[in-house]
Every structure is written in C-alpha cells, then in structure tokens.
C-alpha cells in the first residue's frame, strides 16, 4: 500500500522535483540537509520541545523524499549516492531515537525508554533485512512499518506531545519488529518456491 501512496505523492510533487532539477540541486546535498534537520529534531526532543521536534522530523522527511526523486528525474543517481542516502537514513533514525531517549530517561519513564530501544532496533532491522535480501537477489518491500511510516508516526506523535510520542514509540517498537519477521518469512517463501 505504501508504495502506491509514494507513487501518488511523487506524481503530486513532480513540479517541485522538476524545479529542483532545473536548479541543479544535488541529491547528496538534499540528503545531508535532511540529516541536519534530524539533528535539530533530536536536540529539540532531548530538550522537551516535542512539537517543534515533530515538525523538524516531518520536514526532514520531505528532504529524504526529494533526494531520491531528484536523483532519478535529473538522471544523477549513483551508487555512492544510494549508499550515502541509506547510511544517512540509518544515522538519522539513531540520532532521533537518542534524542527521545534522553528526554524520556530524564522524565523517569522507564517503560517508554525501553520501548525506544526496541523501536530503534526494529527500525534498523527492517532496513537491514531488505538490504540483505536485495543483496541475495530477492525483492523485499513487504510490511507496514517502513521508513515513511516511521517518520510520519514520530512527526505526528511529536506534534501531539508526550502522549503522541509515547504511542508512536510503542507502535513502532511492536510493528517494526513484526515487519522484520514478515520480511524474513517473505524471503523464506520466495527462496523456497524458487528452490522447489
């Protein structure tokens, strides 16, 4: 489902993508700008400014969306750019989770702090399983809690406040690990069918 939504959003934002291409905007620069905004978001979360942090996460997600779109539309995609994007995405998630952990630990919220650990682990494993599967020649885009959903959950959760972030943390902690398992089983079915 998320792939269809992404296609619809890409079509809607195509004029903006074309504008960035005409400006000769580098996809790598967009990637790094998104990372910088995630650093800002992590700092805001750590300081307890949840709504501003949520907004920063959502704006960073826009940059994360446009870097790939601009690379494809401007025919500037490269293997290094793809590696940079994936690496920066992982560091962005880690630093945002760290900012949230600082805040919830300061507030003495042990259970939510624990959920943040499993949310971060699940987020990384969702991406890892896909990358590993694709390295084995298998497509693996199944599952609900992919990166766009995680960005939206954290951004909207931040805009809501403490309760919203708590719900987002627990939701991501559970659903990202379910998605990881779903992807492993998906690859198992694919490889089993091909071996049969």
C-alpha atoms as a PDB file:
ATOM      1  CA  UNK A   1       0.000   0.000   0.000  1.00  0.00           C
ATOM      2  CA  UNK A   2       2.750   2.448   0.946  1.00  0.00           C
ATOM      3  CA  UNK A   3       4.347   2.042  -2.490  1.00  0.00           C
ATOM      4  CA  UNK A   4       1.121   3.187  -4.183  1.00  0.00           C
ATOM      5  CA  UNK A   5       0.882   6.140  -1.804  1.00  0.00           C
ATOM      6  CA  UNK A   6       4.509   7.065  -2.535  1.00  0.00           C
ATOM      7  CA  UNK A   7       3.789   6.950  -6.272  1.00  0.00           C
ATOM      8  CA  UNK A   8       0.777   9.235  -5.805  1.00  0.00           C
ATOM      9  CA  UNK A   9       2.790  11.682  -3.683  1.00  0.00           C
ATOM     10  CA  UNK A  10       5.645  11.613  -6.210  1.00  0.00           C
ATOM     11  CA  UNK A  11       3.224  12.482  -9.008  1.00  0.00           C
ATOM     12  CA  UNK A  12       1.689  15.301  -6.960  1.00  0.00           C
ATOM     13  CA  UNK A  13       5.108  16.766  -6.126  1.00  0.00           C
ATOM     14  CA  UNK A  14       6.577  16.273  -9.597  1.00  0.00           C
ATOM     15  CA  UNK A  15       6.556  20.058 -10.333  1.00  0.00           C
ATOM     16  CA  UNK A  16       8.655  20.652  -7.202  1.00  0.00           C
ATOM     17  CA  UNK A  17      11.019  17.857  -8.223  1.00  0.00           C
ATOM     18  CA  UNK A  18      11.382  19.366 -11.703  1.00  0.00           C
ATOM     19  CA  UNK A  19      12.081  22.770 -10.155  1.00  0.00           C
ATOM     20  CA  UNK A  20      14.889  21.324  -8.002  1.00  0.00           C
ATOM     21  CA  UNK A  21      16.328  19.561 -11.058  1.00  0.00           C
ATOM     22  CA  UNK A  22      16.341  22.848 -13.013  1.00  0.00           C
ATOM     23  CA  UNK A  23      18.219  24.429 -10.112  1.00  0.00           C
ATOM     24  CA  UNK A  24      20.840  21.655 -10.477  1.00  0.00           C
ATOM     25  CA  UNK A  25      20.238  20.782  -6.824  1.00  0.00           C
ATOM     26  CA  UNK A  26      22.450  17.863  -5.797  1.00  0.00           C
ATOM     27  CA  UNK A  27      20.606  14.856  -4.326  1.00  0.00           C
ATOM     28  CA  UNK A  28      23.525  14.370  -1.923  1.00  0.00           C
ATOM     29  CA  UNK A  29      23.056  17.924  -0.623  1.00  0.00           C
ATOM     30  CA  UNK A  30      19.358  17.210  -0.023  1.00  0.00           C
ATOM     31  CA  UNK A  31      20.336  14.047   1.845  1.00  0.00           C
ATOM     32  CA  UNK A  32      22.714  15.971   4.107  1.00  0.00           C
ATOM     33  CA  UNK A  33      20.189  18.759   4.685  1.00  0.00           C
ATOM     34  CA  UNK A  34      17.706  16.131   5.831  1.00  0.00           C
ATOM     35  CA  UNK A  35      20.318  14.745   8.213  1.00  0.00           C
ATOM     36  CA  UNK A  36      20.984  18.219   9.613  1.00  0.00           C
ATOM     37  CA  UNK A  37      17.266  18.665  10.267  1.00  0.00           C
ATOM     38  CA  UNK A  38      17.153  15.305  12.040  1.00  0.00           C
ATOM     39  CA  UNK A  39      19.996  16.512  14.271  1.00  0.00           C
ATOM     40  CA  UNK A  40      17.871  19.557  15.071  1.00  0.00           C
ATOM     41  CA  UNK A  41      14.870  17.298  15.747  1.00  0.00           C
ATOM     42  CA  UNK A  42      16.898  15.092  18.095  1.00  0.00           C
ATOM     43  CA  UNK A  43      18.107  18.148  20.015  1.00  0.00           C
ATOM     44  CA  UNK A  44      14.577  19.523  20.287  1.00  0.00           C
ATOM     45  CA  UNK A  45      13.249  16.165  21.501  1.00  0.00           C
ATOM     46  CA  UNK A  46      16.044  15.911  24.075  1.00  0.00           C
ATOM     47  CA  UNK A  47      15.180  19.374  25.376  1.00  0.00           C
ATOM     48  CA  UNK A  48      11.495  18.502  25.615  1.00  0.00           C
ATOM     49  CA  UNK A  49      10.292  20.644  22.699  1.00  0.00           C
ATOM     50  CA  UNK A  50       8.261  17.774  21.277  1.00  0.00           C
ATOM     51  CA  UNK A  51       6.056  19.695  18.852  1.00  0.00           C
ATOM     52  CA  UNK A  52       8.980  21.518  17.252  1.00  0.00           C
ATOM     53  CA  UNK A  53      10.897  18.232  17.146  1.00  0.00           C
ATOM     54  CA  UNK A  54       7.980  16.516  15.426  1.00  0.00           C
ATOM     55  CA  UNK A  55       7.787  19.303  12.861  1.00  0.00           C
ATOM     56  CA  UNK A  56      11.542  19.039  12.210  1.00  0.00           C
ATOM     57  CA  UNK A  57      11.212  15.269  11.667  1.00  0.00           C
ATOM     58  CA  UNK A  58       8.446  15.798   9.112  1.00  0.00           C
ATOM     59  CA  UNK A  59      10.384  18.494   7.235  1.00  0.00           C
ATOM     60  CA  UNK A  60      13.488  16.269   7.243  1.00  0.00           C
ATOM     61  CA  UNK A  61      11.315  13.519   5.776  1.00  0.00           C
ATOM     62  CA  UNK A  62      10.475  15.820   2.859  1.00  0.00           C
ATOM     63  CA  UNK A  63      14.185  16.206   2.075  1.00  0.00           C
ATOM     64  CA  UNK A  64      14.569  12.434   2.383  1.00  0.00           C
ATOM     65  CA  UNK A  65      11.791  12.023  -0.178  1.00  0.00           C
ATOM     66  CA  UNK A  66      13.143  14.579  -2.626  1.00  0.00           C
ATOM     67  CA  UNK A  67      16.742  13.333  -2.737  1.00  0.00           C
ATOM     68  CA  UNK A  68      15.747  10.121  -4.499  1.00  0.00           C
ATOM     69  CA  UNK A  69      13.185  11.835  -6.715  1.00  0.00           C
ATOM     70  CA  UNK A  70      15.683  14.479  -7.850  1.00  0.00           C
ATOM     71  CA  UNK A  71      18.361  11.851  -8.494  1.00  0.00           C
ATOM     72  CA  UNK A  72      16.026   9.882 -10.745  1.00  0.00           C
ATOM     73  CA  UNK A  73      14.414  12.840 -12.511  1.00  0.00           C
ATOM     74  CA  UNK A  74      17.740  14.587 -13.077  1.00  0.00           C
ATOM     75  CA  UNK A  75      19.481  11.336 -14.051  1.00  0.00           C
ATOM     76  CA  UNK A  76      22.128  11.971 -11.397  1.00  0.00           C
ATOM     77  CA  UNK A  77      21.597   8.736  -9.475  1.00  0.00           C
ATOM     78  CA  UNK A  78      24.821   6.991  -8.498  1.00  0.00           C
ATOM     79  CA  UNK A  79      25.881   4.003  -6.435  1.00  0.00           C
ATOM     80  CA  UNK A  80      27.633   6.308  -3.988  1.00  0.00           C
ATOM     81  CA  UNK A  81      24.534   8.486  -3.688  1.00  0.00           C
ATOM     82  CA  UNK A  82      22.417   5.423  -2.909  1.00  0.00           C
ATOM     83  CA  UNK A  83      24.923   4.303  -0.281  1.00  0.00           C
ATOM     84  CA  UNK A  84      25.118   7.783   1.236  1.00  0.00           C
ATOM     85  CA  UNK A  85      21.328   8.032   1.382  1.00  0.00           C
ATOM     86  CA  UNK A  86      20.918   4.650   3.098  1.00  0.00           C
ATOM     87  CA  UNK A  87      23.732   5.330   5.563  1.00  0.00           C
ATOM     88  CA  UNK A  88      22.492   8.813   6.455  1.00  0.00           C
ATOM     89  CA  UNK A  89      18.943   7.484   6.880  1.00  0.00           C
ATOM     90  CA  UNK A  90      20.157   4.978   9.476  1.00  0.00           C
ATOM     91  CA  UNK A  91      22.185   7.585  11.363  1.00  0.00           C
ATOM     92  CA  UNK A  92      19.232   9.981  11.215  1.00  0.00           C
ATOM     93  CA  UNK A  93      16.982   7.414  12.868  1.00  0.00           C
ATOM     94  CA  UNK A  94      19.567   6.567  15.513  1.00  0.00           C
ATOM     95  CA  UNK A  95      20.154  10.196  16.474  1.00  0.00           C
ATOM     96  CA  UNK A  96      16.415  10.931  16.683  1.00  0.00           C
ATOM     97  CA  UNK A  97      15.860   7.883  18.890  1.00  0.00           C
ATOM     98  CA  UNK A  98      18.776   9.027  21.059  1.00  0.00           C
ATOM     99  CA  UNK A  99      17.211  12.465  21.488  1.00  0.00           C
ATOM    100  CA  UNK A 100      13.921  10.888  22.501  1.00  0.00           C
ATOM    101  CA  UNK A 101      15.673   8.518  24.905  1.00  0.00           C
ATOM    102  CA  UNK A 102      17.424  11.423  26.634  1.00  0.00           C
ATOM    103  CA  UNK A 103      14.070  13.124  27.145  1.00  0.00           C
ATOM    104  CA  UNK A 104      12.195  10.082  28.442  1.00  0.00           C
ATOM    105  CA  UNK A 105      15.074   8.997  30.686  1.00  0.00           C
ATOM    106  CA  UNK A 106      15.185  12.490  32.205  1.00  0.00           C
ATOM    107  CA  UNK A 107      11.439  12.215  32.804  1.00  0.00           C
ATOM    108  CA  UNK A 108      11.945   8.876  34.569  1.00  0.00           C
ATOM    109  CA  UNK A 109       9.792   6.966  32.077  1.00  0.00           C
ATOM    110  CA  UNK A 110      11.478   3.555  32.211  1.00  0.00           C
ATOM    111  CA  UNK A 111       8.890   1.651  30.178  1.00  0.00           C
ATOM    112  CA  UNK A 112       8.819   4.102  27.283  1.00  0.00           C
ATOM    113  CA  UNK A 113      12.615   4.337  27.370  1.00  0.00           C
ATOM    114  CA  UNK A 114      12.693   0.555  26.968  1.00  0.00           C
ATOM    115  CA  UNK A 115      10.220   0.783  24.089  1.00  0.00           C
ATOM    116  CA  UNK A 116      12.538   3.279  22.374  1.00  0.00           C
ATOM    117  CA  UNK A 117      15.338   0.694  22.395  1.00  0.00           C
ATOM    118  CA  UNK A 118      13.159  -1.916  20.689  1.00  0.00           C
ATOM    119  CA  UNK A 119      11.771   0.707  18.303  1.00  0.00           C
ATOM    120  CA  UNK A 120      15.287   1.674  17.222  1.00  0.00           C
ATOM    121  CA  UNK A 121      16.363  -1.974  16.911  1.00  0.00           C
ATOM    122  CA  UNK A 122      13.272  -2.821  14.876  1.00  0.00           C
ATOM    123  CA  UNK A 123      13.728   0.227  12.642  1.00  0.00           C
ATOM    124  CA  UNK A 124      17.287  -0.782  11.820  1.00  0.00           C
ATOM    125  CA  UNK A 125      16.364  -4.432  11.291  1.00  0.00           C
ATOM    126  CA  UNK A 126      13.543  -3.582   8.859  1.00  0.00           C
ATOM    127  CA  UNK A 127      16.081  -1.801   6.673  1.00  0.00           C
ATOM    128  CA  UNK A 128      18.772  -4.455   7.190  1.00  0.00           C
ATOM    129  CA  UNK A 129      16.577  -7.367   6.150  1.00  0.00           C
ATOM    130  CA  UNK A 130      15.537  -5.566   2.966  1.00  0.00           C
ATOM    131  CA  UNK A 131      19.153  -4.693   2.107  1.00  0.00           C
ATOM    132  CA  UNK A 132      20.341  -8.245   2.854  1.00  0.00           C
ATOM    133  CA  UNK A 133      17.519  -9.770   0.831  1.00  0.00           C
ATOM    134  CA  UNK A 134      18.233  -7.498  -2.131  1.00  0.00           C
ATOM    135  CA  UNK A 135      21.907  -8.436  -1.837  1.00  0.00           C
ATOM    136  CA  UNK A 136      20.761 -12.043  -2.298  1.00  0.00           C
ATOM    137  CA  UNK A 137      18.760 -11.047  -5.353  1.00  0.00           C
ATOM    138  CA  UNK A 138      15.331 -11.083  -3.691  1.00  0.00           C
ATOM    139  CA  UNK A 139      12.878  -8.169  -3.627  1.00  0.00           C
ATOM    140  CA  UNK A 140      11.672  -7.397  -0.118  1.00  0.00           C
ATOM    141  CA  UNK A 141       9.413  -4.357   0.251  1.00  0.00           C
ATOM    142  CA  UNK A 142       6.639  -6.012   2.246  1.00  0.00           C
ATOM    143  CA  UNK A 143       5.447  -4.917   5.673  1.00  0.00           C
ATOM    144  CA  UNK A 144       3.724  -1.894   7.130  1.00  0.00           C
ATOM    145  CA  UNK A 145       6.305  -0.140   9.324  1.00  0.00           C
ATOM    146  CA  UNK A 146       8.755   1.041   6.654  1.00  0.00           C
ATOM    147  CA  UNK A 147      10.731   4.271   6.947  1.00  0.00           C
ATOM    148  CA  UNK A 148       7.998   6.620   5.645  1.00  0.00           C
ATOM    149  CA  UNK A 149       5.526   5.259   8.202  1.00  0.00           C
ATOM    150  CA  UNK A 150       8.083   5.619  10.992  1.00  0.00           C
ATOM    151  CA  UNK A 151       8.829   9.220  10.030  1.00  0.00           C
ATOM    152  CA  UNK A 152       5.132  10.089   9.931  1.00  0.00           C
ATOM    153  CA  UNK A 153       4.468   8.312  13.242  1.00  0.00           C
ATOM    154  CA  UNK A 154       7.278  10.177  15.019  1.00  0.00           C
ATOM    155  CA  UNK A 155       6.461  13.507  13.397  1.00  0.00           C
ATOM    156  CA  UNK A 156       2.743  13.360  14.149  1.00  0.00           C
ATOM    157  CA  UNK A 157       3.450  11.915  17.593  1.00  0.00           C
ATOM    158  CA  UNK A 158       5.723  14.850  18.341  1.00  0.00           C
ATOM    159  CA  UNK A 159       3.093  17.324  17.196  1.00  0.00           C
ATOM    160  CA  UNK A 160       0.612  15.727  19.593  1.00  0.00           C
ATOM    161  CA  UNK A 161       3.070  15.829  22.513  1.00  0.00           C
ATOM    162  CA  UNK A 162       4.160  13.387  25.201  1.00  0.00           C
ATOM    163  CA  UNK A 163       1.230  11.011  24.759  1.00  0.00           C
ATOM    164  CA  UNK A 164       1.617  11.033  20.988  1.00  0.00           C
ATOM    165  CA  UNK A 165       5.330  10.209  21.170  1.00  0.00           C
ATOM    166  CA  UNK A 166       4.693   7.502  23.750  1.00  0.00           C
ATOM    167  CA  UNK A 167       2.126   5.885  21.456  1.00  0.00           C
ATOM    168  CA  UNK A 168       4.440   6.278  18.451  1.00  0.00           C
ATOM    169  CA  UNK A 169       7.348   4.673  20.327  1.00  0.00           C
ATOM    170  CA  UNK A 170       5.293   1.665  21.397  1.00  0.00           C
ATOM    171  CA  UNK A 171       3.663   1.337  17.978  1.00  0.00           C
ATOM    172  CA  UNK A 172       6.989   1.405  16.166  1.00  0.00           C
ATOM    173  CA  UNK A 173       8.579  -0.930  18.738  1.00  0.00           C
ATOM    174  CA  UNK A 174       5.935  -3.547  18.029  1.00  0.00           C
ATOM    175  CA  UNK A 175       5.181  -3.052  14.342  1.00  0.00           C
ATOM    176  CA  UNK A 176       8.764  -2.598  13.136  1.00  0.00           C
ATOM    177  CA  UNK A 177       9.757  -5.938  14.637  1.00  0.00           C
ATOM    178  CA  UNK A 178       6.621  -7.557  13.189  1.00  0.00           C
ATOM    179  CA  UNK A 179       7.612  -6.108   9.809  1.00  0.00           C
ATOM    180  CA  UNK A 180      11.125  -7.544  10.211  1.00  0.00           C
ATOM    181  CA  UNK A 181       9.668 -11.004  10.853  1.00  0.00           C
ATOM    182  CA  UNK A 182       7.255 -10.590   7.949  1.00  0.00           C
ATOM    183  CA  UNK A 183      10.153  -9.766   5.621  1.00  0.00           C
ATOM    184  CA  UNK A 184      12.200 -12.759   6.776  1.00  0.00           C
ATOM    185  CA  UNK A 185       9.229 -15.064   6.176  1.00  0.00           C
ATOM    186  CA  UNK A 186       8.591 -13.396   2.803  1.00  0.00           C
ATOM    187  CA  UNK A 187      12.153 -14.134   1.660  1.00  0.00           C
ATOM    188  CA  UNK A 188      11.850 -17.672   3.008  1.00  0.00           C
ATOM    189  CA  UNK A 189       8.735 -18.243   0.874  1.00  0.00           C
ATOM    190  CA  UNK A 190      10.394 -16.710  -2.188  1.00  0.00           C
ATOM    191  CA  UNK A 191      13.559 -18.768  -1.871  1.00  0.00           C
ATOM    192  CA  UNK A 192      11.603 -21.926  -1.000  1.00  0.00           C
ATOM    193  CA  UNK A 193       9.446 -21.526  -4.108  1.00  0.00           C
ATOM    194  CA  UNK A 194      12.495 -20.965  -6.308  1.00  0.00           C
ATOM    195  CA  UNK A 195      14.289 -23.980  -4.808  1.00  0.00           C
ATOM    196  CA  UNK A 196      11.265 -26.251  -5.316  1.00  0.00           C
END
